[in-house]
Protein backbone atom coordinates (compact mmCIF):
# COMPACT_ATOMS: atom_id res chain seq x y z
CA MET A 1 86.38 109.50 133.17
CA GLY A 2 88.02 107.82 130.84
CA GLU A 3 91.49 106.20 131.11
CA ILE A 4 93.37 109.03 128.44
CA GLY A 5 92.00 112.33 130.89
CA ASP A 6 92.99 110.25 133.96
CA THR A 7 96.37 109.40 132.62
CA LEU A 8 96.84 113.08 131.84
CA ARG A 9 95.28 114.31 135.02
CA ASP A 10 97.38 112.52 136.92
CA ALA A 11 100.54 113.09 135.47
CA ARG A 12 99.40 117.43 135.76
CA ARG A 13 98.63 116.65 139.38
CA ARG A 14 102.14 114.59 140.18
CA ARG A 15 104.14 117.15 138.56
CA GLU A 16 101.90 120.06 140.76
CA LEU A 17 100.86 121.87 137.72
CA ASP A 18 98.07 123.54 137.86
CA LEU A 19 96.09 124.09 133.64
CA LEU A 20 96.82 127.96 133.53
CA GLN A 21 100.19 126.64 134.03
CA CYS A 22 100.43 123.56 131.03
CA GLU A 23 98.41 126.48 129.10
CA GLN A 24 101.15 128.79 129.01
CA ALA A 25 103.57 126.29 128.65
CA THR A 26 102.17 123.60 125.72
CA LYS A 27 99.55 127.17 123.83
CA ILE A 28 96.67 124.89 124.54
CA ARG A 29 93.80 126.67 125.32
CA SER A 30 92.94 125.33 128.88
CA LYS A 31 89.46 124.70 128.11
CA TYR A 32 90.87 121.73 126.25
CA LEU A 33 93.01 120.82 128.57
CA MET A 34 90.13 120.58 130.92
CA ALA A 35 88.14 118.66 127.71
CA MET A 36 90.71 115.53 127.38
CA GLU A 37 91.25 115.05 131.44
CA GLU A 38 87.20 114.98 131.50
CA ASP A 39 87.90 112.72 127.80
CA ARG A 40 85.15 114.97 126.39
CA PHE A 41 86.59 114.99 122.96
CA GLU A 42 83.01 115.94 121.38
CA ILE A 43 83.65 119.82 122.40
CA LEU A 44 87.56 119.40 120.93
CA PRO A 45 87.95 120.03 117.61
CA GLU A 46 88.71 117.68 114.38
CA PRO A 47 90.46 114.61 115.22
CA VAL A 48 93.47 115.88 113.89
CA PHE A 49 93.89 118.62 115.95
CA VAL A 50 93.02 116.62 118.48
CA ARG A 51 95.83 114.37 118.18
CA GLY A 52 98.49 117.14 118.14
CA MET A 53 97.06 118.45 121.31
CA LEU A 54 97.38 115.25 122.78
CA ARG A 55 100.49 114.61 121.61
CA THR A 56 101.87 117.69 122.83
CA TYR A 57 99.96 117.74 126.30
CA ALA A 58 101.32 114.31 127.10
CA ALA A 59 105.07 115.09 126.00
CA TYR A 60 105.34 118.56 128.73
CA LEU A 61 103.68 115.75 131.08
CA ASP A 62 106.58 113.11 130.62
CA VAL A 63 103.73 111.07 129.52
CA ASP A 64 103.65 108.51 126.53
CA PRO A 65 102.12 109.38 124.11
CA ALA A 66 101.70 106.60 121.70
CA PRO A 67 99.32 104.54 124.13
CA LEU A 68 96.97 107.80 124.40
CA LEU A 69 96.68 108.16 120.84
CA GLU A 70 96.13 104.80 120.11
CA ARG A 71 93.33 104.87 122.76
CA TYR A 72 91.92 108.16 120.99
CA ASP A 73 92.15 106.10 117.29
CA ARG A 74 89.89 103.57 118.83
CA GLN A 75 87.83 105.71 120.47
CA VAL A 76 87.13 107.96 117.48
CA GLU A 77 86.31 104.92 115.33
CA ALA A 78 83.93 103.90 117.62
CA SER A 79 82.09 106.53 117.67
CA ALA A 80 81.88 107.80 114.20
CA PRO A 81 78.71 106.89 112.08
CA THR A 82 78.51 104.70 109.62
CA PRO A 83 78.98 106.49 106.56
CA PRO A 84 75.92 106.45 104.16
CA THR A 85 75.54 104.48 101.25
CA PRO A 86 75.81 107.39 97.95
CA ALA A 87 72.89 107.80 96.26
CA GLY A 88 72.81 106.00 93.16
CA SER A 89 75.98 103.34 93.93
CA ALA A 90 74.01 100.71 92.78
CA LEU A 91 73.45 101.79 89.72
CA VAL A 92 77.21 101.58 89.35
CA SER A 93 77.39 98.31 91.22
CA ARG A 94 75.02 96.95 88.18
CA ARG A 95 77.19 98.50 85.11
CA ARG A 96 79.79 97.44 86.30
CA ALA A 97 78.43 93.98 86.35
């Protein structure tokens, strides 16, 4: 497990909450809460939605969301594929030169 999931799961357990209670309070489906706790971000929706869910879940658990969001952003950046060079970009560069 990674740091994000460990932090969330440990905070939830300290408060003696189960995922169903967290789902009801945050309105985030328990399968998404579980995925965040297991650092399985690839099964979650787009990163913009994950950031909102992380912020909401962390706040509910009385965890500062800023470090979690920073870690998540670094993780997303590291796993993002390099965008392909658009066709014709070399032609555009030569024309400008």
